Amino acid sequence: MPDFIPIPPDDAPRLEDPGDGDKLVLVKKGQRYCFDCPPGREHELIRQLQAMVADPHHDLNWFDAAVLSHRLGQRMSDRLTEHYRARKTA
């Protein structure tokens, strides 16, 4: 069984709310990764994350990309729900 190595709280990757619906922000090891992602351009962010993870010069890994992708999916779902509700009440 592998040893469990805890991540110090300051090093654990976390998402921040930038207050702008078109941005995603990941903080990891004191570094802030800010991504612009307006509606309809989500595929571009996914491609950018793939390239960054594959590049050994970047500190992002597949887990970070998965966290960002998951948040992106949540945001898309929220926007679709808002759109559906707006059409339903119109």
PDB file of N, CA and C in Angstrom:
ATOM      1  N   MET A   1       0.848  -1.180   0.000  1.00  0.00           N
ATOM      2  CA  MET A   1       0.000   0.000   0.000  1.00  0.00           C
ATOM      3  C   MET A   1       0.894   1.243   0.000  1.00  0.00           C
ATOM      4  N   PRO A   2       0.602   2.242  -0.860  1.00  0.00           N
ATOM      5  CA  PRO A   2       1.452   3.436  -0.913  1.00  0.00           C
ATOM      6  C   PRO A   2       1.317   4.266   0.366  1.00  0.00           C
ATOM      7  N   ASP A   3       2.395   4.978   0.673  1.00  0.00           N
ATOM      8  CA  ASP A   3       2.369   5.887   1.815  1.00  0.00           C
ATOM      9  C   ASP A   3       1.500   7.091   1.494  1.00  0.00           C
ATOM     10  N   PHE A   4       0.814   7.571   2.515  1.00  0.00           N
ATOM     11  CA  PHE A   4      -0.001   8.778   2.359  1.00  0.00           C
ATOM     12  C   PHE A   4       0.851   9.977   2.723  1.00  0.00           C
ATOM     13  N   ILE A   5       0.995  10.888   1.797  1.00  0.00           N
ATOM     14  CA  ILE A   5       1.768  12.097   2.048  1.00  0.00           C
ATOM     15  C   ILE A   5       0.803  13.278   2.005  1.00  0.00           C
ATOM     16  N   PRO A   6       0.515  13.880   3.161  1.00  0.00           N
ATOM     17  CA  PRO A   6      -0.430  14.996   3.167  1.00  0.00           C
ATOM     18  C   PRO A   6       0.133  16.212   2.439  1.00  0.00           C
ATOM     19  N   ILE A   7      -0.752  16.932   1.808  1.00  0.00           N
ATOM     20  CA  ILE A   7      -0.382  18.168   1.119  1.00  0.00           C
ATOM     21  C   ILE A   7      -0.541  19.319   2.106  1.00  0.00           C
ATOM     22  N   PRO A   8       0.501  20.112   2.321  1.00  0.00           N
ATOM     23  CA  PRO A   8       0.334  21.266   3.202  1.00  0.00           C
ATOM     24  C   PRO A   8      -0.785  22.158   2.672  1.00  0.00           C
ATOM     25  N   PRO A   9      -1.593  22.752   3.554  1.00  0.00           N
ATOM     26  CA  PRO A   9      -2.740  23.554   3.114  1.00  0.00           C
ATOM     27  C   PRO A   9      -2.381  24.641   2.108  1.00  0.00           C
ATOM     28  N   ASP A  10      -1.207  25.242   2.246  1.00  0.00           N
ATOM     29  CA  ASP A  10      -0.830  26.307   1.322  1.00  0.00           C
ATOM     30  C   ASP A  10      -0.515  25.785  -0.073  1.00  0.00           C
ATOM     31  N   ASP A  11      -0.191  24.488  -0.184  1.00  0.00           N
ATOM     32  CA  ASP A  11       0.169  23.910  -1.477  1.00  0.00           C
ATOM     33  C   ASP A  11      -1.000  23.247  -2.189  1.00  0.00           C
ATOM     34  N   ALA A  12      -2.101  23.024  -1.472  1.00  0.00           N
ATOM     35  CA  ALA A  12      -3.244  22.347  -2.082  1.00  0.00           C
ATOM     36  C   ALA A  12      -3.863  23.249  -3.153  1.00  0.00           C
ATOM     37  N   PRO A  13      -4.072  22.717  -4.370  1.00  0.00           N
ATOM     38  CA  PRO A  13      -4.703  23.534  -5.408  1.00  0.00           C
ATOM     39  C   PRO A  13      -6.138  23.867  -5.022  1.00  0.00           C
ATOM     40  N   ARG A  14      -6.565  25.075  -5.346  1.00  0.00           N
ATOM     41  CA  ARG A  14      -7.936  25.488  -5.049  1.00  0.00           C
ATOM     42  C   ARG A  14      -8.416  26.462  -6.119  1.00  0.00           C
ATOM     43  N   LEU A  15      -9.728  26.460  -6.293  1.00  0.00           N
ATOM     44  CA  LEU A  15     -10.340  27.412  -7.219  1.00  0.00           C
ATOM     45  C   LEU A  15     -10.681  28.683  -6.460  1.00  0.00           C
ATOM     46  N   GLU A  16     -10.564  29.811  -7.131  1.00  0.00           N
ATOM     47  CA  GLU A  16     -10.980  31.091  -6.574  1.00  0.00           C
ATOM     48  C   GLU A  16     -12.119  31.624  -7.413  1.00  0.00           C
ATOM     49  N   ASP A  17     -12.979  32.394  -6.779  1.00  0.00           N
ATOM     50  CA  ASP A  17     -14.056  33.060  -7.509  1.00  0.00           C
ATOM     51  C   ASP A  17     -13.572  34.453  -7.884  1.00  0.00           C
ATOM     52  N   PRO A  18     -13.307  34.677  -9.174  1.00  0.00           N
ATOM     53  CA  PRO A  18     -12.788  35.984  -9.587  1.00  0.00           C
ATOM     54  C   PRO A  18     -13.870  37.062  -9.663  1.00  0.00           C
ATOM     55  N   GLY A  19     -15.133  36.672  -9.489  1.00  0.00           N
ATOM     56  CA  GLY A  19     -16.214  37.647  -9.593  1.00  0.00           C
ATOM     57  C   GLY A  19     -16.591  37.962 -11.029  1.00  0.00           C
ATOM     58  N   ASP A  20     -15.930  37.336 -11.964  1.00  0.00           N
ATOM     59  CA  ASP A  20     -16.203  37.523 -13.388  1.00  0.00           C
ATOM     60  C   ASP A  20     -16.612  36.162 -13.942  1.00  0.00           C
ATOM     61  N   GLY A  21     -17.812  36.066 -14.470  1.00  0.00           N
ATOM     62  CA  GLY A  21     -18.332  34.795 -14.955  1.00  0.00           C
ATOM     63  C   GLY A  21     -17.574  34.192 -16.113  1.00  0.00           C
ATOM     64  N   ASP A  22     -16.708  34.973 -16.744  1.00  0.00           N
ATOM     65  CA  ASP A  22     -15.953  34.465 -17.890  1.00  0.00           C
ATOM     66  C   ASP A  22     -14.548  34.011 -17.520  1.00  0.00           C
ATOM     67  N   LYS A  23     -14.215  34.019 -16.241  1.00  0.00           N
ATOM     68  CA  LYS A  23     -12.868  33.647 -15.817  1.00  0.00           C
ATOM     69  C   LYS A  23     -12.905  32.446 -14.883  1.00  0.00           C
ATOM     70  N   LEU A  24     -11.869  31.635 -14.974  1.00  0.00           N
ATOM     71  CA  LEU A  24     -11.613  30.552 -14.026  1.00  0.00           C
ATOM     72  C   LEU A  24     -10.228  30.802 -13.438  1.00  0.00           C
ATOM     73  N   VAL A  25     -10.117  30.667 -12.124  1.00  0.00           N
ATOM     74  CA  VAL A  25      -8.833  30.912 -11.462  1.00  0.00           C
ATOM     75  C   VAL A  25      -8.487  29.718 -10.577  1.00  0.00           C
ATOM     76  N   LEU A  26      -7.303  29.168 -10.805  1.00  0.00           N
ATOM     77  CA  LEU A  26      -6.774  28.091  -9.986  1.00  0.00           C
ATOM     78  C   LEU A  26      -5.534  28.627  -9.280  1.00  0.00           C
ATOM     79  N   VAL A  27      -5.473  28.410  -7.963  1.00  0.00           N
ATOM     80  CA  VAL A  27      -4.298  28.798  -7.184  1.00  0.00           C
ATOM     81  C   VAL A  27      -3.599  27.517  -6.751  1.00  0.00           C
ATOM     82  N   LYS A  28      -2.312  27.450  -7.065  1.00  0.00           N
ATOM     83  CA  LYS A  28      -1.536  26.253  -6.749  1.00  0.00           C
ATOM     84  C   LYS A  28      -0.116  26.674  -6.383  1.00  0.00           C
ATOM     85  N   LYS A  29       0.310  26.292  -5.185  1.00  0.00           N
ATOM     86  CA  LYS A  29       1.659  26.607  -4.707  1.00  0.00           C
ATOM     87  C   LYS A  29       1.969  28.097  -4.822  1.00  0.00           C
ATOM     88  N   GLY A  30       1.007  28.920  -4.470  1.00  0.00           N
ATOM     89  CA  GLY A  30       1.205  30.364  -4.495  1.00  0.00           C
ATOM     90  C   GLY A  30       1.114  30.989  -5.879  1.00  0.00           C
ATOM     91  N   GLN A  31       0.920  30.186  -6.892  1.00  0.00           N
ATOM     92  CA  GLN A  31       0.802  30.670  -8.280  1.00  0.00           C
ATOM     93  C   GLN A  31      -0.668  30.758  -8.654  1.00  0.00           C
ATOM     94  N   ARG A  32      -1.076  31.852  -9.281  1.00  0.00           N
ATOM     95  CA  ARG A  32      -2.460  32.002  -9.740  1.00  0.00           C
ATOM     96  C   ARG A  32      -2.504  31.781 -11.252  1.00  0.00           C
ATOM     97  N   TYR A  33      -3.337  30.844 -11.656  1.00  0.00           N
ATOM     98  CA  TYR A  33      -3.555  30.573 -13.081  1.00  0.00           C
ATOM     99  C   TYR A  33      -4.930  31.122 -13.425  1.00  0.00           C
ATOM    100  N   CYS A  34      -4.967  32.167 -14.243  1.00  0.00           N
ATOM    101  CA  CYS A  34      -6.223  32.819 -14.628  1.00  0.00           C
ATOM    102  C   CYS A  34      -6.513  32.492 -16.088  1.00  0.00           C
ATOM    103  N   PHE A  35      -7.711  32.011 -16.327  1.00  0.00           N
ATOM    104  CA  PHE A  35      -8.115  31.619 -17.677  1.00  0.00           C
ATOM    105  C   PHE A  35      -9.379  32.382 -18.060  1.00  0.00           C
ATOM    106  N   ASP A  36      -9.330  33.073 -19.196  1.00  0.00           N
ATOM    107  CA  ASP A  36     -10.534  33.687 -19.760  1.00  0.00           C
ATOM    108  C   ASP A  36     -11.260  32.614 -20.550  1.00  0.00           C
ATOM    109  N   CYS A  37     -12.571  32.539 -20.341  1.00  0.00           N
ATOM    110  CA  CYS A  37     -13.344  31.519 -21.045  1.00  0.00           C
ATOM    111  C   CYS A  37     -14.779  32.000 -21.239  1.00  0.00           C
ATOM    112  N   PRO A  38     -15.002  32.857 -22.236  1.00  0.00           N
ATOM    113  CA  PRO A  38     -16.364  33.311 -22.495  1.00  0.00           C
ATOM    114  C   PRO A  38     -17.236  32.166 -23.007  1.00  0.00           C
ATOM    115  N   PRO A  39     -18.545  32.268 -22.823  1.00  0.00           N
ATOM    116  CA  PRO A  39     -19.453  31.222 -23.299  1.00  0.00           C
ATOM    117  C   PRO A  39     -19.215  30.906 -24.779  1.00  0.00           C
ATOM    118  N   GLY A  40     -19.226  29.618 -25.087  1.00  0.00           N
ATOM    119  CA  GLY A  40     -19.029  29.174 -26.460  1.00  0.00           C
ATOM    120  C   GLY A  40     -17.570  28.915 -26.813  1.00  0.00           C
ATOM    121  N   ARG A  41     -16.641  29.243 -25.907  1.00  0.00           N
ATOM    122  CA  ARG A  41     -15.212  29.054 -26.194  1.00  0.00           C
ATOM    123  C   ARG A  41     -14.580  28.048 -25.229  1.00  0.00           C
ATOM    124  N   GLU A  42     -15.423  27.259 -24.579  1.00  0.00           N
ATOM    125  CA  GLU A  42     -14.939  26.303 -23.595  1.00  0.00           C
ATOM    126  C   GLU A  42     -13.955  25.301 -24.205  1.00  0.00           C
ATOM    127  N   HIS A  43     -14.203  24.903 -25.444  1.00  0.00           N
ATOM    128  CA  HIS A  43     -13.311  23.947 -26.109  1.00  0.00           C
ATOM    129  C   HIS A  43     -11.882  24.491 -26.225  1.00  0.00           C
ATOM    130  N   GLU A  44     -11.750  25.810 -26.365  1.00  0.00           N
ATOM    131  CA  GLU A  44     -10.424  26.412 -26.463  1.00  0.00           C
ATOM    132  C   GLU A  44      -9.669  26.289 -25.134  1.00  0.00           C
ATOM    133  N   LEU A  45     -10.397  26.464 -24.038  1.00  0.00           N
ATOM    134  CA  LEU A  45      -9.765  26.309 -22.728  1.00  0.00           C
ATOM    135  C   LEU A  45      -9.324  24.862 -22.516  1.00  0.00           C
ATOM    136  N   ILE A  46     -10.145  23.910 -22.917  1.00  0.00           N
ATOM    137  CA  ILE A  46      -9.770  22.503 -22.775  1.00  0.00           C
ATOM    138  C   ILE A  46      -8.492  22.214 -23.562  1.00  0.00           C
ATOM    139  N   ARG A  47      -8.398  22.736 -24.772  1.00  0.00           N
ATOM    140  CA  ARG A  47      -7.177  22.544 -25.581  1.00  0.00           C
ATOM    141  C   ARG A  47      -5.969  23.194 -24.913  1.00  0.00           C
ATOM    142  N   GLN A  48      -6.172  24.386 -24.347  1.00  0.00           N
ATOM    143  CA  GLN A  48      -5.086  25.085 -23.664  1.00  0.00           C
ATOM    144  C   GLN A  48      -4.611  24.282 -22.446  1.00  0.00           C
ATOM    145  N   LEU A  49      -5.549  23.735 -21.689  1.00  0.00           N
ATOM    146  CA  LEU A  49      -5.184  22.923 -20.530  1.00  0.00           C
ATOM    147  C   LEU A  49      -4.416  21.674 -20.956  1.00  0.00           C
ATOM    148  N   GLN A  50      -4.857  21.032 -22.043  1.00  0.00           N
ATOM    149  CA  GLN A  50      -4.159  19.846 -22.544  1.00  0.00           C
ATOM    150  C   GLN A  50      -2.709  20.184 -22.879  1.00  0.00           C
ATOM    151  N   ALA A  51      -2.508  21.310 -23.539  1.00  0.00           N
ATOM    152  CA  ALA A  51      -1.152  21.711 -23.924  1.00  0.00           C
ATOM    153  C   ALA A  51      -0.303  22.039 -22.692  1.00  0.00           C
ATOM    154  N   MET A  52      -0.879  22.714 -21.726  1.00  0.00           N
ATOM    155  CA  MET A  52      -0.127  23.078 -20.524  1.00  0.00           C
ATOM    156  C   MET A  52       0.269  21.845 -19.717  1.00  0.00           C
ATOM    157  N   VAL A  53      -0.644  20.899 -19.596  1.00  0.00           N
ATOM    158  CA  VAL A  53      -0.359  19.689 -18.826  1.00  0.00           C
ATOM    159  C   VAL A  53       0.722  18.855 -19.514  1.00  0.00           C
ATOM    160  N   ALA A  54       0.710  18.822 -20.820  1.00  0.00           N
ATOM    161  CA  ALA A  54       1.690  18.042 -21.572  1.00  0.00           C
ATOM    162  C   ALA A  54       3.075  18.698 -21.578  1.00  0.00           C
ATOM    163  N   ASP A  55       3.144  19.990 -21.282  1.00  0.00           N
ATOM    164  CA  ASP A  55       4.406  20.734 -21.298  1.00  0.00           C
ATOM    165  C   ASP A  55       5.107  20.588 -19.945  1.00  0.00           C
ATOM    166  N   PRO A  56       6.301  20.013 -19.914  1.00  0.00           N
ATOM    167  CA  PRO A  56       6.994  19.820 -18.636  1.00  0.00           C
ATOM    168  C   PRO A  56       7.410  21.122 -17.960  1.00  0.00           C
ATOM    169  N   HIS A  57       7.359  22.231 -18.677  1.00  0.00           N
ATOM    170  CA  HIS A  57       7.721  23.527 -18.100  1.00  0.00           C
ATOM    171  C   HIS A  57       6.580  24.142 -17.292  1.00  0.00           C
ATOM    172  N   HIS A  58       5.392  23.581 -17.383  1.00  0.00           N
ATOM    173  CA  HIS A  58       4.247  24.065 -16.613  1.00  0.00           C
ATOM    174  C   HIS A  58       4.050  23.185 -15.388  1.00  0.00           C
ATOM    175  N   ASP A  59       3.588  23.806 -14.327  1.00  0.00           N
ATOM    176  CA  ASP A  59       3.386  23.103 -13.065  1.00  0.00           C
ATOM    177  C   ASP A  59       2.002  22.455 -12.979  1.00  0.00           C
ATOM    178  N   LEU A  60       1.140  22.695 -13.964  1.00  0.00           N
ATOM    179  CA  LEU A  60      -0.189  22.091 -13.930  1.00  0.00           C
ATOM    180  C   LEU A  60      -0.103  20.602 -14.254  1.00  0.00           C
ATOM    181  N   ASN A  61      -0.971  19.828 -13.608  1.00  0.00           N
ATOM    182  CA  ASN A  61      -1.018  18.398 -13.894  1.00  0.00           C
ATOM    183  C   ASN A  61      -2.442  18.025 -14.306  1.00  0.00           C
ATOM    184  N   TRP A  62      -2.657  16.731 -14.547  1.00  0.00           N
ATOM    185  CA  TRP A  62      -3.961  16.285 -15.031  1.00  0.00           C
ATOM    186  C   TRP A  62      -5.055  16.483 -13.986  1.00  0.00           C
ATOM    187  N   PHE A  63      -4.705  16.376 -12.712  1.00  0.00           N
ATOM    188  CA  PHE A  63      -5.696  16.620 -11.670  1.00  0.00           C
ATOM    189  C   PHE A  63      -6.159  18.075 -11.706  1.00  0.00           C
ATOM    190  N   ASP A  64      -5.232  19.008 -11.851  1.00  0.00           N
ATOM    191  CA  ASP A  64      -5.587  20.430 -11.940  1.00  0.00           C
ATOM    192  C   ASP A  64      -6.509  20.678 -13.135  1.00  0.00           C
ATOM    193  N   ALA A  65      -6.170  20.050 -14.262  1.00  0.00           N
ATOM    194  CA  ALA A  65      -6.996  20.200 -15.460  1.00  0.00           C
ATOM    195  C   ALA A  65      -8.386  19.623 -15.231  1.00  0.00           C
ATOM    196  N   ALA A  66      -8.460  18.506 -14.507  1.00  0.00           N
ATOM    197  CA  ALA A  66      -9.758  17.894 -14.211  1.00  0.00           C
ATOM    198  C   ALA A  66     -10.591  18.807 -13.307  1.00  0.00           C
ATOM    199  N   VAL A  67      -9.954  19.419 -12.319  1.00  0.00           N
ATOM    200  CA  VAL A  67     -10.663  20.352 -11.424  1.00  0.00           C
ATOM    201  C   VAL A  67     -11.219  21.529 -12.216  1.00  0.00           C
ATOM    202  N   LEU A  68     -10.393  22.098 -13.075  1.00  0.00           N
ATOM    203  CA  LEU A  68     -10.847  23.226 -13.900  1.00  0.00           C
ATOM    204  C   LEU A  68     -11.945  22.796 -14.871  1.00  0.00           C
ATOM    205  N   SER A  69     -11.785  21.639 -15.485  1.00  0.00           N
ATOM    206  CA  SER A  69     -12.798  21.141 -16.424  1.00  0.00           C
ATOM    207  C   SER A  69     -14.125  20.880 -15.722  1.00  0.00           C
ATOM    208  N   HIS A  70     -14.050  20.343 -14.516  1.00  0.00           N
ATOM    209  CA  HIS A  70     -15.274  20.091 -13.748  1.00  0.00           C
ATOM    210  C   HIS A  70     -15.989  21.404 -13.442  1.00  0.00           C
ATOM    211  N   ARG A  71     -15.239  22.392 -13.018  1.00  0.00           N
ATOM    212  CA  ARG A  71     -15.845  23.698 -12.720  1.00  0.00           C
ATOM    213  C   ARG A  71     -16.426  24.311 -13.992  1.00  0.00           C
ATOM    214  N   LEU A  72     -15.745  24.142 -15.087  1.00  0.00           N
ATOM    215  CA  LEU A  72     -16.241  24.635 -16.369  1.00  0.00           C
ATOM    216  C   LEU A  72     -17.571  23.985 -16.715  1.00  0.00           C
ATOM    217  N   GLY A  73     -17.683  22.679 -16.499  1.00  0.00           N
ATOM    218  CA  GLY A  73     -18.934  21.959 -16.750  1.00  0.00           C
ATOM    219  C   GLY A  73     -20.052  22.446 -15.840  1.00  0.00           C
ATOM    220  N   GLN A  74     -19.732  22.691 -14.571  1.00  0.00           N
ATOM    221  CA  GLN A  74     -20.736  23.229 -13.645  1.00  0.00           C
ATOM    222  C   GLN A  74     -21.236  24.585 -14.121  1.00  0.00           C
ATOM    223  N   ARG A  75     -20.310  25.418 -14.544  1.00  0.00           N
ATOM    224  CA  ARG A  75     -20.675  26.759 -15.010  1.00  0.00           C
ATOM    225  C   ARG A  75     -21.556  26.687 -16.258  1.00  0.00           C
ATOM    226  N   MET A  76     -21.230  25.782 -17.172  1.00  0.00           N
ATOM    227  CA  MET A  76     -22.045  25.618 -18.376  1.00  0.00           C
ATOM    228  C   MET A  76     -23.449  25.137 -18.004  1.00  0.00           C
ATOM    229  N   SER A  77     -23.529  24.199 -17.071  1.00  0.00           N
ATOM    230  CA  SER A  77     -24.821  23.691 -16.615  1.00  0.00           C
ATOM    231  C   SER A  77     -25.655  24.810 -15.983  1.00  0.00           C
ATOM    232  N   ASP A  78     -25.021  25.626 -15.149  1.00  0.00           N
ATOM    233  CA  ASP A  78     -25.730  26.749 -14.525  1.00  0.00           C
ATOM    234  C   ASP A  78     -26.271  27.718 -15.567  1.00  0.00           C
ATOM    235  N   ARG A  79     -25.466  28.005 -16.577  1.00  0.00           N
ATOM    236  CA  ARG A  79     -25.909  28.937 -17.624  1.00  0.00           C
ATOM    237  C   ARG A  79     -27.060  28.352 -18.440  1.00  0.00           C
ATOM    238  N   LEU A  80     -26.985  27.062 -18.742  1.00  0.00           N
ATOM    239  CA  LEU A  80     -28.075  26.427 -19.482  1.00  0.00           C
ATOM    240  C   LEU A  80     -29.367  26.415 -18.666  1.00  0.00           C
ATOM    241  N   THR A  81     -29.251  26.174 -17.374  1.00  0.00           N
ATOM    242  CA  THR A  81     -30.421  26.184 -16.496  1.00  0.00           C
ATOM    243  C   THR A  81     -31.046  27.579 -16.460  1.00  0.00           C
ATOM    244  N   GLU A  82     -30.212  28.601 -16.334  1.00  0.00           N
ATOM    245  CA  GLU A  82     -30.715  29.984 -16.337  1.00  0.00           C
ATOM    246  C   GLU A  82     -31.421  30.292 -17.655  1.00  0.00           C
ATOM    247  N   HIS A  83     -30.820  29.883 -18.745  1.00  0.00           N
ATOM    248  CA  HIS A  83     -31.404  30.128 -20.075  1.00  0.00           C
ATOM    249  C   HIS A  83     -32.750  29.423 -20.208  1.00  0.00           C
ATOM    250  N   TYR A  84     -32.812  28.176 -19.758  1.00  0.00           N
ATOM    251  CA  TYR A  84     -34.047  27.405 -19.835  1.00  0.00           C
ATOM    252  C   TYR A  84     -35.143  28.069 -19.001  1.00  0.00           C
ATOM    253  N   ARG A  85     -34.817  28.488 -17.794  1.00  0.00           N
ATOM    254  CA  ARG A  85     -35.801  29.129 -16.924  1.00  0.00           C
ATOM    255  C   ARG A  85     -36.283  30.446 -17.491  1.00  0.00           C
ATOM    256  N   ALA A  86     -35.382  31.199 -18.100  1.00  0.00           N
ATOM    257  CA  ALA A  86     -35.752  32.482 -18.707  1.00  0.00           C
ATOM    258  C   ALA A  86     -36.715  32.259 -19.865  1.00  0.00           C
ATOM    259  N   ARG A  87     -36.465  31.240 -20.674  1.00  0.00           N
ATOM    260  CA  ARG A  87     -37.358  30.949 -21.817  1.00  0.00           C
ATOM    261  C   ARG A  87     -38.709  30.445 -21.328  1.00  0.00           C
ATOM    262  N   LYS A  88     -38.686  29.680 -20.263  1.00  0.00           N
ATOM    263  CA  LYS A  88     -39.911  29.089 -19.743  1.00  0.00           C
ATOM    264  C   LYS A  88     -40.843  30.161 -19.163  1.00  0.00           C
ATOM    265  N   THR A  89     -40.289  31.195 -18.568  1.00  0.00           N
ATOM    266  CA  THR A  89     -41.093  32.258 -17.964  1.00  0.00           C
ATOM    267  C   THR A  89     -41.436  33.360 -18.948  1.00  0.00           C
ATOM    268  N   ALA A  90     -40.818  33.353 -20.113  1.00  0.00           N
ATOM    269  CA  ALA A  90     -41.073  34.420 -21.101  1.00  0.00           C
ATOM    270  C   ALA A  90     -42.368  34.196 -21.863  1.00  0.00           C
TER     271      ALA A  90
END
